[in-house]
């Protein structure tokens, strides 16, 4: 409604200094209720794909490939679900923040390498290793959003290593 008011009042024509990204962001804004519904739907789809992948793991011959595809797709959906809450640009900026840039790079690398190991290199042992690294990197990335948790875990590990 605000967009319609600004167009009818002529304010829209005065805002020529906007960038393309700002214009696209304004045109695609969602209400809070829609954002929450999108987050829940995408997160549930991601979780369901991950669970389905684990269930399909035990099928003979094709189980490992289905597991890798569904589990990786589930992680991508779960990661993408937070974009509904924050918006894509803000999410990408937070992913590249100095506290989680390394975790983001490792997580995305593991996602890609898992698929490469399964389909391109046909090395399923390596693919399973990358799935394990996916789990660890996704967990470490997720913990970066909770203040001081990663520091506490590092201190606990250091204390246990003594």
Protein backbone atom coordinates (compact mmCIF):
# COMPACT_ATOMS: atom_id res chain seq x y z
CA UNK A 1 0.00 0.00 0.00
CA UNK A 2 2.86 2.36 0.81
CA UNK A 3 4.36 1.66 -2.60
CA UNK A 4 1.08 2.60 -4.28
CA UNK A 5 0.86 5.81 -2.24
CA UNK A 6 4.42 6.81 -3.16
CA UNK A 7 3.78 6.18 -6.86
CA UNK A 8 0.51 8.16 -6.85
CA UNK A 9 2.02 11.07 -4.91
CA UNK A 10 4.98 11.32 -7.27
CA UNK A 11 7.59 10.45 -4.65
CA UNK A 12 8.63 7.38 -6.63
CA UNK A 13 9.91 9.44 -9.54
CA UNK A 14 12.09 11.49 -7.17
CA UNK A 15 13.91 8.41 -5.93
CA UNK A 16 16.13 7.85 -8.97
CA UNK A 17 19.26 7.61 -6.82
CA UNK A 18 18.42 4.05 -5.69
CA UNK A 19 20.65 1.19 -6.69
CA UNK A 20 19.32 -1.81 -8.56
CA UNK A 21 19.66 -3.97 -5.43
CA UNK A 22 17.68 -1.48 -3.33
CA UNK A 23 14.93 -1.37 -5.95
CA UNK A 24 14.79 -5.17 -6.16
CA UNK A 25 14.75 -5.44 -2.38
CA UNK A 26 11.86 -2.96 -2.11
CA UNK A 27 9.89 -4.78 -4.78
CA UNK A 28 10.32 -8.16 -3.14
CA UNK A 29 9.79 -7.40 0.53
CA UNK A 30 7.61 -9.85 2.43
CA UNK A 31 5.46 -9.30 5.46
CA UNK A 32 6.59 -10.77 8.78
CA UNK A 33 3.94 -13.51 8.71
CA UNK A 34 4.97 -14.56 5.22
CA UNK A 35 8.62 -14.58 6.25
CA UNK A 36 7.91 -16.85 9.22
CA UNK A 37 5.83 -19.19 7.07
CA UNK A 38 8.60 -19.32 4.45
CA UNK A 39 11.21 -19.99 7.13
CA UNK A 40 9.16 -22.81 8.68
CA UNK A 41 8.35 -24.37 5.30
CA UNK A 42 11.95 -24.27 4.06
CA UNK A 43 13.33 -25.50 7.39
CA UNK A 44 10.83 -28.39 7.55
CA UNK A 45 11.60 -29.35 3.94
CA UNK A 46 15.32 -29.30 4.77
CA UNK A 47 14.83 -31.44 7.87
CA UNK A 48 12.56 -33.86 6.01
CA UNK A 49 15.11 -34.22 3.20
CA UNK A 50 17.90 -34.90 5.70
CA UNK A 51 15.81 -37.53 7.51
CA UNK A 52 14.71 -39.06 4.21
CA UNK A 53 18.33 -39.21 3.12
CA UNK A 54 19.28 -41.10 6.28
CA UNK A 55 16.38 -43.53 5.73
CA UNK A 56 17.41 -44.10 2.11
CA UNK A 57 21.00 -44.81 3.11
CA UNK A 58 20.19 -48.46 3.70
CA UNK A 59 18.84 -49.17 0.20
CA UNK A 60 21.14 -51.46 -1.78
CA UNK A 61 23.31 -49.89 -4.51
CA UNK A 62 21.59 -46.48 -4.82
CA UNK A 63 21.17 -45.75 -1.12
CA UNK A 64 24.44 -43.89 -0.67
CA UNK A 65 23.81 -41.62 -3.66
CA UNK A 66 20.27 -40.83 -2.52
CA UNK A 67 21.53 -40.17 0.98
CA UNK A 68 24.16 -37.73 -0.25
CA UNK A 69 21.74 -35.87 -2.52
CA UNK A 70 18.92 -35.61 0.02
CA UNK A 71 21.19 -34.79 2.95
CA UNK A 72 23.05 -32.07 1.04
CA UNK A 73 19.80 -30.62 -0.33
CA UNK A 74 18.39 -30.66 3.20
CA UNK A 75 21.35 -28.69 4.50
CA UNK A 76 21.00 -26.16 1.69
CA UNK A 77 17.28 -25.74 2.47
CA UNK A 78 17.96 -25.35 6.18
CA UNK A 79 20.62 -22.74 5.43
CA UNK A 80 18.34 -20.96 2.98
CA UNK A 81 15.45 -20.91 5.43
CA UNK A 82 17.09 -18.20 7.50
CA UNK A 83 17.10 -15.95 4.45
CA UNK A 84 13.35 -15.64 4.89
CA UNK A 85 13.81 -14.19 8.36
CA UNK A 86 16.65 -11.78 7.63
CA UNK A 87 16.43 -11.27 3.91
CA UNK A 88 18.98 -12.54 1.40
CA UNK A 89 21.39 -9.60 1.47
CA UNK A 90 21.54 -9.39 5.25
CA UNK A 91 22.01 -13.16 5.48
CA UNK A 92 24.87 -13.09 2.98
CA UNK A 93 26.51 -10.21 4.85
CA UNK A 94 26.23 -12.10 8.13
CA UNK A 95 27.60 -15.26 6.53
CA UNK A 96 30.66 -13.31 5.40
CA UNK A 97 31.12 -11.58 8.76
CA UNK A 98 34.62 -12.01 10.19
CA UNK A 99 33.39 -14.31 13.00
CA UNK A 100 31.80 -16.82 10.64
CA UNK A 101 33.49 -16.34 7.25
CA UNK A 102 35.77 -19.34 7.75
CA UNK A 103 32.89 -21.54 8.93
CA UNK A 104 30.81 -20.44 5.94
CA UNK A 105 33.63 -21.17 3.49
CA UNK A 106 34.25 -24.62 4.97
CA UNK A 107 30.54 -25.42 5.03
CA UNK A 108 29.96 -24.44 1.39
CA UNK A 109 33.14 -26.22 0.33
CA UNK A 110 31.97 -29.40 2.08
CA UNK A 111 28.58 -29.17 0.38
CA UNK A 112 30.20 -28.91 -3.05
CA UNK A 113 32.88 -31.54 -2.38
CA UNK A 114 30.27 -34.02 -1.13
CA UNK A 115 28.44 -33.82 -4.43
CA UNK A 116 31.71 -33.93 -6.41
CA UNK A 117 32.88 -37.03 -4.53
CA UNK A 118 29.58 -38.80 -5.15
CA UNK A 119 28.95 -37.94 -8.80
CA UNK A 120 32.20 -36.84 -10.38
CA UNK A 121 34.86 -38.84 -8.55
CA UNK A 122 32.54 -41.78 -7.63
CA UNK A 123 34.36 -42.20 -4.32
CA UNK A 124 31.70 -42.93 -1.72
CA UNK A 125 34.11 -43.19 1.22
CA UNK A 126 35.29 -39.68 0.49
CA UNK A 127 31.67 -38.54 0.07
CA UNK A 128 30.80 -39.90 3.52
CA UNK A 129 33.82 -38.10 4.97
CA UNK A 130 32.56 -34.86 3.43
CA UNK A 131 29.08 -35.52 4.86
CA UNK A 132 30.62 -35.81 8.32
CA UNK A 133 32.51 -32.58 7.69
CA UNK A 134 29.22 -31.03 6.52
CA UNK A 135 27.63 -31.89 9.85
CA UNK A 136 30.55 -30.50 11.83
CA UNK A 137 30.89 -27.32 9.79
CA UNK A 138 27.13 -26.66 9.77
CA UNK A 139 27.07 -27.11 13.54
CA UNK A 140 30.05 -24.79 14.01
CA UNK A 141 28.45 -22.24 11.68
CA UNK A 142 25.13 -22.43 13.55
CA UNK A 143 26.86 -22.00 16.91
CA UNK A 144 28.40 -18.76 15.66
CA UNK A 145 24.98 -17.12 15.99
CA UNK A 146 24.87 -17.83 19.74
CA UNK A 147 27.12 -15.38 21.61
CA UNK A 148 30.17 -16.86 23.35
CA UNK A 149 29.22 -20.52 22.71
CA UNK A 150 32.08 -21.23 20.33
CA UNK A 151 34.57 -19.71 22.77
CA UNK A 152 33.15 -21.85 25.57
CA UNK A 153 33.45 -24.99 23.43
CA UNK A 154 37.05 -24.16 22.51
CA UNK A 155 37.90 -23.64 26.20
CA UNK A 156 36.21 -26.91 27.12
CA UNK A 157 38.16 -28.81 24.46
CA UNK A 158 41.41 -27.14 25.58
CA UNK A 159 40.65 -28.09 29.18
CA UNK A 160 39.93 -31.70 28.21
CA UNK A 161 43.16 -31.93 26.21
CA UNK A 162 45.31 -31.10 29.27
